[in-house]
């Protein structure tokens, strides 16, 4: 059984989803792939312990603090490759950025491959079911482009600014699905 609760954030309404008292998804209202990782109906249970804990985590995050990801019991649903990518995302410190190419190089090295596709990494980053908590907003293009955020480029900019990133040095893509 999957449960849900809502959190009102500075970015808009965020829907939380859980199963077995573990957080499986965090979706920003209107984001691409909203709800796609949960294949069953969600039952509203706004006061489950995992939701209360996650809401406190978000309160700290949106007040400018840097709560640790491991404070939450996370269970994102995805393929082993996606989990590899998401594990790398979890290691990106607050206020720092990484490129899709950097992640691809890490995956290739870990799996003893000659190379890895940055586009494949981009697909896994884009399908991150735990927006904000697993910080996919900290991933940028190799040319400094603020591309690839399912929640929308405006929200990516706000998250990065909240974390102290100088977004004026980054570029906004002129075309693409992340706008």
Protein backbone atom coordinates (compact mmCIF):
# COMPACT_ATOMS: atom_id res chain seq x y z
CA UNK A 1 0.00 0.00 0.00
CA UNK A 2 1.26 3.46 -0.91
CA UNK A 3 0.42 6.52 1.17
CA UNK A 4 0.60 10.21 0.41
CA UNK A 5 0.79 13.57 2.10
CA UNK A 6 1.26 17.11 0.85
CA UNK A 7 3.78 19.74 1.88
CA UNK A 8 3.39 23.42 1.02
CA UNK A 9 6.83 24.70 0.03
CA UNK A 10 8.25 27.94 -1.37
CA UNK A 11 8.28 26.13 -4.74
CA UNK A 12 4.61 25.18 -4.52
CA UNK A 13 2.81 22.05 -3.42
CA UNK A 14 4.98 18.96 -2.96
CA UNK A 15 3.44 15.49 -2.79
CA UNK A 16 5.17 12.88 -0.66
CA UNK A 17 4.63 9.14 -1.19
CA UNK A 18 5.61 6.28 1.09
CA UNK A 19 5.42 2.52 1.42
CA UNK A 20 6.34 0.54 4.54
CA UNK A 21 7.16 3.80 6.37
CA UNK A 22 9.87 4.60 3.79
CA UNK A 23 9.81 7.58 1.47
CA UNK A 24 9.48 6.42 -2.15
CA UNK A 25 8.71 9.69 -3.93
CA UNK A 26 8.66 13.47 -3.68
CA UNK A 27 7.00 15.28 -6.56
CA UNK A 28 6.75 19.00 -7.14
CA UNK A 29 3.32 19.90 -8.48
CA UNK A 30 3.35 20.00 -12.26
CA UNK A 31 6.73 18.34 -12.67
CA UNK A 32 7.50 16.01 -15.53
CA UNK A 33 7.01 12.33 -14.58
CA UNK A 34 4.74 13.25 -11.65
CA UNK A 35 3.61 10.00 -10.02
CA UNK A 36 5.21 7.69 -12.57
CA UNK A 37 7.18 5.51 -10.14
CA UNK A 38 4.18 4.47 -8.06
CA UNK A 39 2.01 1.94 -9.84
CA UNK A 40 -0.83 1.79 -7.32
CA UNK A 41 -3.35 4.25 -5.88
CA UNK A 42 -2.13 6.55 -3.12
CA UNK A 43 -4.10 6.69 0.12
CA UNK A 44 -3.89 9.99 1.94
CA UNK A 45 -2.30 9.53 5.38
CA UNK A 46 -0.84 12.96 6.15
CA UNK A 47 0.50 12.22 9.63
CA UNK A 48 2.58 9.08 9.15
CA UNK A 49 5.93 9.28 10.95
CA UNK A 50 7.91 9.24 7.68
CA UNK A 51 5.87 12.19 6.40
CA UNK A 52 6.24 14.19 9.62
CA UNK A 53 9.98 13.57 9.58
CA UNK A 54 10.23 14.54 5.88
CA UNK A 55 8.24 17.73 6.45
CA UNK A 56 10.64 18.72 9.24
CA UNK A 57 13.52 17.96 6.89
CA UNK A 58 11.97 20.27 4.28
CA UNK A 59 11.35 22.98 6.92
CA UNK A 60 15.08 22.90 7.71
CA UNK A 61 16.07 22.81 4.05
CA UNK A 62 13.88 25.72 3.00
CA UNK A 63 15.07 27.78 5.98
CA UNK A 64 18.61 27.59 4.58
CA UNK A 65 19.95 24.75 6.70
CA UNK A 66 21.64 21.71 5.19
CA UNK A 67 19.87 18.63 6.58
CA UNK A 68 21.57 15.31 5.84
CA UNK A 69 19.94 13.00 3.34
CA UNK A 70 20.58 10.01 5.59
CA UNK A 71 18.20 11.50 8.18
CA UNK A 72 15.37 10.12 6.04
CA UNK A 73 14.48 6.50 5.33
CA UNK A 74 14.50 6.52 1.52
CA UNK A 75 13.39 3.74 -0.81
CA UNK A 76 13.26 5.17 -4.35
CA UNK A 77 11.85 2.84 -6.97
CA UNK A 78 14.08 2.36 -10.00
CA UNK A 79 16.47 0.17 -11.94
CA UNK A 80 19.92 -0.74 -10.63
CA UNK A 81 21.48 1.76 -13.08
CA UNK A 82 19.22 4.56 -11.84
CA UNK A 83 20.12 3.68 -8.25
CA UNK A 84 23.80 3.95 -9.14
CA UNK A 85 23.22 7.44 -10.52
CA UNK A 86 21.05 8.49 -7.57
CA UNK A 87 23.71 7.28 -5.13
CA UNK A 88 26.20 9.62 -6.80
CA UNK A 89 23.69 12.49 -6.60
CA UNK A 90 23.37 11.93 -2.86
CA UNK A 91 27.09 12.61 -2.46
CA UNK A 92 27.02 16.07 -4.09
CA UNK A 93 27.54 18.58 -1.26
CA UNK A 94 25.19 21.52 -0.74
CA UNK A 95 26.12 24.45 -2.94
CA UNK A 96 28.23 22.37 -5.32
CA UNK A 97 27.56 21.29 -8.89
CA UNK A 98 28.47 18.29 -11.03
CA UNK A 99 28.00 17.61 -14.74
CA UNK A 100 26.24 14.72 -16.42
CA UNK A 101 29.63 13.86 -17.97
CA UNK A 102 31.29 13.71 -14.54
CA UNK A 103 28.63 11.27 -13.34
CA UNK A 104 29.03 9.20 -16.53
CA UNK A 105 32.78 8.96 -15.89
CA UNK A 106 32.17 7.81 -12.30
CA UNK A 107 29.68 5.16 -13.43
CA UNK A 108 32.07 3.93 -16.15
CA UNK A 109 34.93 3.67 -13.68
CA UNK A 110 32.82 1.88 -11.06
CA UNK A 111 31.54 -0.62 -13.64
CA UNK A 112 34.95 -0.99 -15.34
CA UNK A 113 33.62 0.33 -18.66
CA UNK A 114 35.55 2.30 -21.25
CA UNK A 115 32.85 4.96 -21.24
CA UNK A 116 29.27 5.71 -20.27
CA UNK A 117 26.69 7.82 -22.07
CA UNK A 118 25.96 11.22 -20.53
CA UNK A 119 22.49 10.94 -22.08
CA UNK A 120 21.84 7.69 -20.18
CA UNK A 121 22.89 9.46 -17.01
CA UNK A 122 20.59 12.35 -17.91
CA UNK A 123 17.68 9.93 -18.23
CA UNK A 124 18.35 8.53 -14.76
CA UNK A 125 18.79 11.99 -13.26
CA UNK A 126 15.53 13.13 -14.85
CA UNK A 127 13.66 10.14 -13.41
CA UNK A 128 14.81 10.81 -9.86
CA UNK A 129 11.66 10.12 -7.81
CA UNK A 130 12.88 12.01 -4.73
CA UNK A 131 13.18 15.57 -6.02
CA UNK A 132 15.17 17.97 -3.87
CA UNK A 133 16.14 15.29 -1.32
CA UNK A 134 18.20 13.39 -3.90
CA UNK A 135 19.71 16.59 -5.31
CA UNK A 136 19.35 16.22 -9.07
CA UNK A 137 19.08 20.03 -9.24
CA UNK A 138 22.85 20.15 -8.62
CA UNK A 139 23.56 18.55 -12.01
CA UNK A 140 24.36 20.83 -14.95
CA UNK A 141 25.51 20.51 -18.53
CA UNK A 142 29.24 20.46 -19.30
CA UNK A 143 28.88 23.95 -20.83
CA UNK A 144 27.42 25.39 -17.61
CA UNK A 145 23.83 25.06 -18.79
CA UNK A 146 21.05 24.75 -16.21
CA UNK A 147 19.40 21.96 -18.11
CA UNK A 148 17.50 18.84 -17.22
CA UNK A 149 15.29 19.54 -14.22
CA UNK A 150 11.90 17.80 -14.31
CA UNK A 151 10.48 20.37 -11.89
CA UNK A 152 11.28 23.22 -14.26
CA UNK A 153 14.29 25.46 -14.74
CA UNK A 154 12.81 28.21 -12.54
CA UNK A 155 12.63 25.84 -9.58
CA UNK A 156 16.14 24.53 -10.23
CA UNK A 157 17.45 28.10 -10.08
CA UNK A 158 15.60 28.78 -6.81
CA UNK A 159 16.98 25.59 -5.22
CA UNK A 160 20.53 26.38 -6.28
CA UNK A 161 20.25 29.97 -5.03
CA UNK A 162 18.88 28.70 -1.70
CA UNK A 163 22.04 26.57 -1.44
CA UNK A 164 24.29 29.56 -2.19
CA UNK A 165 25.21 28.78 -5.80
CA UNK A 166 26.00 31.82 -7.96
CA UNK A 167 23.56 31.06 -10.78
CA UNK A 168 24.59 34.17 -12.73
CA UNK A 169 27.61 32.19 -13.99
CA UNK A 170 25.33 29.51 -15.42
CA UNK A 171 23.29 29.65 -18.62
CA UNK A 172 19.65 28.91 -19.24
CA UNK A 173 18.94 26.62 -22.18
CA UNK A 174 17.02 28.24 -25.04
CA UNK A 175 15.30 25.01 -26.06
CA UNK A 176 14.51 21.63 -24.59
CA UNK A 177 12.07 19.85 -22.32
CA UNK A 178 13.54 21.12 -19.04
CA UNK A 179 12.08 24.58 -19.51
